[in-house]
Protein backbone atom coordinates (compact mmCIF):
# COMPACT_ATOMS: atom_id res chain seq x y z
CA UNK A 1 -48.92 -27.67 -87.11
CA UNK A 2 -49.93 -30.99 -85.56
CA UNK A 3 -50.88 -33.63 -88.11
CA UNK A 4 -52.16 -37.11 -87.33
CA UNK A 5 -52.76 -39.54 -90.19
CA UNK A 6 -54.44 -42.88 -89.51
CA UNK A 7 -54.27 -45.95 -91.71
CA UNK A 8 -54.97 -49.66 -91.54
CA UNK A 9 -58.74 -49.78 -91.29
CA UNK A 10 -60.87 -52.03 -93.45
CA UNK A 11 -63.44 -54.80 -93.59
CA UNK A 12 -62.75 -57.94 -91.58
CA UNK A 13 -64.77 -60.93 -90.44
CA UNK A 14 -65.61 -61.44 -86.79
CA UNK A 15 -62.69 -63.06 -85.01
CA UNK A 16 -60.17 -61.44 -87.32
CA UNK A 17 -57.45 -58.90 -86.68
CA UNK A 18 -56.40 -55.47 -87.89
CA UNK A 19 -53.55 -53.15 -86.99
CA UNK A 20 -54.16 -49.43 -87.12
CA UNK A 21 -51.32 -46.93 -87.45
CA UNK A 22 -51.17 -43.21 -86.77
CA UNK A 23 -48.29 -41.17 -88.16
CA UNK A 24 -47.74 -38.01 -86.14
CA UNK A 25 -45.91 -34.80 -87.04
CA UNK A 26 -45.67 -31.26 -85.72
CA UNK A 27 -45.31 -32.32 -82.09
CA UNK A 28 -42.81 -33.87 -79.71
CA UNK A 29 -44.26 -37.33 -80.03
CA UNK A 30 -42.19 -39.01 -77.32
CA UNK A 31 -43.57 -36.73 -74.58
CA UNK A 32 -47.19 -36.74 -75.78
CA UNK A 33 -50.06 -38.76 -74.35
CA UNK A 34 -51.57 -40.56 -77.33
CA UNK A 35 -55.03 -42.06 -77.68
CA UNK A 36 -57.28 -44.14 -79.88
CA UNK A 37 -60.96 -43.20 -79.88
CA UNK A 38 -63.83 -44.65 -81.86
CA UNK A 39 -67.30 -43.53 -82.87
CA UNK A 40 -70.02 -45.80 -84.13
CA UNK A 41 -73.05 -44.42 -86.03
CA UNK A 42 -75.50 -42.81 -83.64
CA UNK A 43 -73.16 -43.15 -80.67
CA UNK A 44 -70.81 -40.85 -78.79
CA UNK A 45 -67.10 -40.93 -79.42
CA UNK A 46 -65.42 -43.12 -76.82
CA UNK A 47 -61.86 -43.58 -75.62
CA UNK A 48 -60.60 -47.02 -76.58
CA UNK A 49 -56.98 -46.96 -75.43
CA UNK A 50 -54.33 -44.54 -74.24
CA UNK A 51 -50.58 -44.60 -73.79
CA UNK A 52 -48.55 -42.12 -71.79
CA UNK A 53 -45.09 -40.90 -72.63
CA UNK A 54 -43.77 -43.35 -70.05
CA UNK A 55 -45.60 -46.29 -71.58
CA UNK A 56 -48.46 -46.56 -69.09
CA UNK A 57 -51.56 -47.83 -70.86
CA UNK A 58 -55.31 -47.66 -70.37
CA UNK A 59 -58.00 -49.72 -72.10
CA UNK A 60 -61.75 -49.49 -72.17
CA UNK A 61 -63.32 -52.55 -70.59
CA UNK A 62 -64.92 -53.49 -73.90
CA UNK A 63 -61.53 -54.03 -75.58
CA UNK A 64 -59.34 -55.16 -72.67
CA UNK A 65 -57.51 -58.37 -73.53
CA UNK A 66 -58.21 -58.00 -77.27
CA UNK A 67 -56.61 -54.68 -78.25
CA UNK A 68 -53.04 -53.51 -77.64
CA UNK A 69 -51.87 -49.93 -77.96
CA UNK A 70 -48.20 -49.28 -78.63
CA UNK A 71 -45.94 -46.51 -79.83
CA UNK A 72 -42.67 -46.21 -81.73
CA UNK A 73 -41.14 -42.93 -80.65
CA UNK A 74 -38.34 -43.24 -83.21
CA UNK A 75 -40.94 -43.34 -86.01
CA UNK A 76 -43.44 -40.92 -84.41
CA UNK A 77 -46.08 -43.60 -84.90
CA UNK A 78 -48.89 -44.92 -82.74
CA UNK A 79 -50.41 -48.38 -83.25
CA UNK A 80 -53.52 -50.26 -82.24
CA UNK A 81 -53.41 -54.02 -82.66
CA UNK A 82 -56.97 -55.32 -82.66
CA UNK A 83 -57.55 -59.06 -82.28
CA UNK A 84 -60.69 -61.16 -81.88
CA UNK A 85 -62.72 -58.42 -83.51
CA UNK A 86 -66.48 -58.33 -82.96
CA UNK A 87 -69.25 -56.69 -84.98
CA UNK A 88 -69.69 -54.20 -82.14
CA UNK A 89 -66.14 -52.95 -82.79
CA UNK A 90 -67.40 -51.47 -86.06
CA UNK A 91 -66.71 -47.73 -85.94
CA UNK A 92 -64.60 -44.89 -87.22
CA UNK A 93 -61.33 -45.01 -85.29
CA UNK A 94 -59.49 -41.79 -84.51
CA UNK A 95 -55.98 -41.10 -83.30
CA UNK A 96 -55.74 -38.19 -80.83
CA UNK A 97 -52.87 -36.34 -79.18
CA UNK A 98 -53.11 -34.56 -75.81
CA UNK A 99 -51.13 -31.32 -76.01
CA UNK A 100 -53.16 -29.08 -73.75
CA UNK A 101 -55.73 -29.14 -76.50
CA UNK A 102 -56.64 -32.43 -78.15
CA UNK A 103 -55.60 -32.87 -81.76
CA UNK A 104 -57.48 -35.35 -83.97
CA UNK A 105 -56.72 -37.33 -87.06
CA UNK A 106 -59.24 -37.75 -89.86
CA UNK A 107 -60.16 -41.29 -88.83
CA UNK A 108 -60.04 -44.72 -90.41
CA UNK A 109 -63.10 -46.94 -90.80
CA UNK A 110 -63.18 -50.41 -89.24
CA UNK A 111 -66.04 -52.69 -90.23
CA UNK A 112 -66.44 -56.13 -88.69
CA UNK A 113 -68.87 -58.48 -90.37
CA UNK A 114 -70.64 -61.28 -88.51
C-alpha cells in the first residue's frame, strides 16, 4: 500500500531554514503528482506547494520565493526547502500523493518562534 513518511520538522527561529523530506513507497513515484500541505491550529489544511511528474511546480502566494519543492525520483523522495521562515509558517506539514485518491503522510510539526 502507499506509504508516505515525513521528516525534518522542528523548532526554528524566525528567519531560519528547515528542509522537510517525504519518503514514498507503494506507488510509482516518478509519475505521481506530489504535494506539501500544512494545517495550523484552528485553520483549514492548505496546499503549500506541488510538483508534477514533469517537474512543473506550484506555490501558494504566502510561500512563493521562500519555499522550494523538489523531488528525487531515484530515491522516491519529496523535499520542501523552507527559507526565511516566519511565525505564521508554524503548522503541521503533510506530504500528499495524487493517485486518483489522495494519500497522506502522518505529518511533521514545524514551529517558528519570533
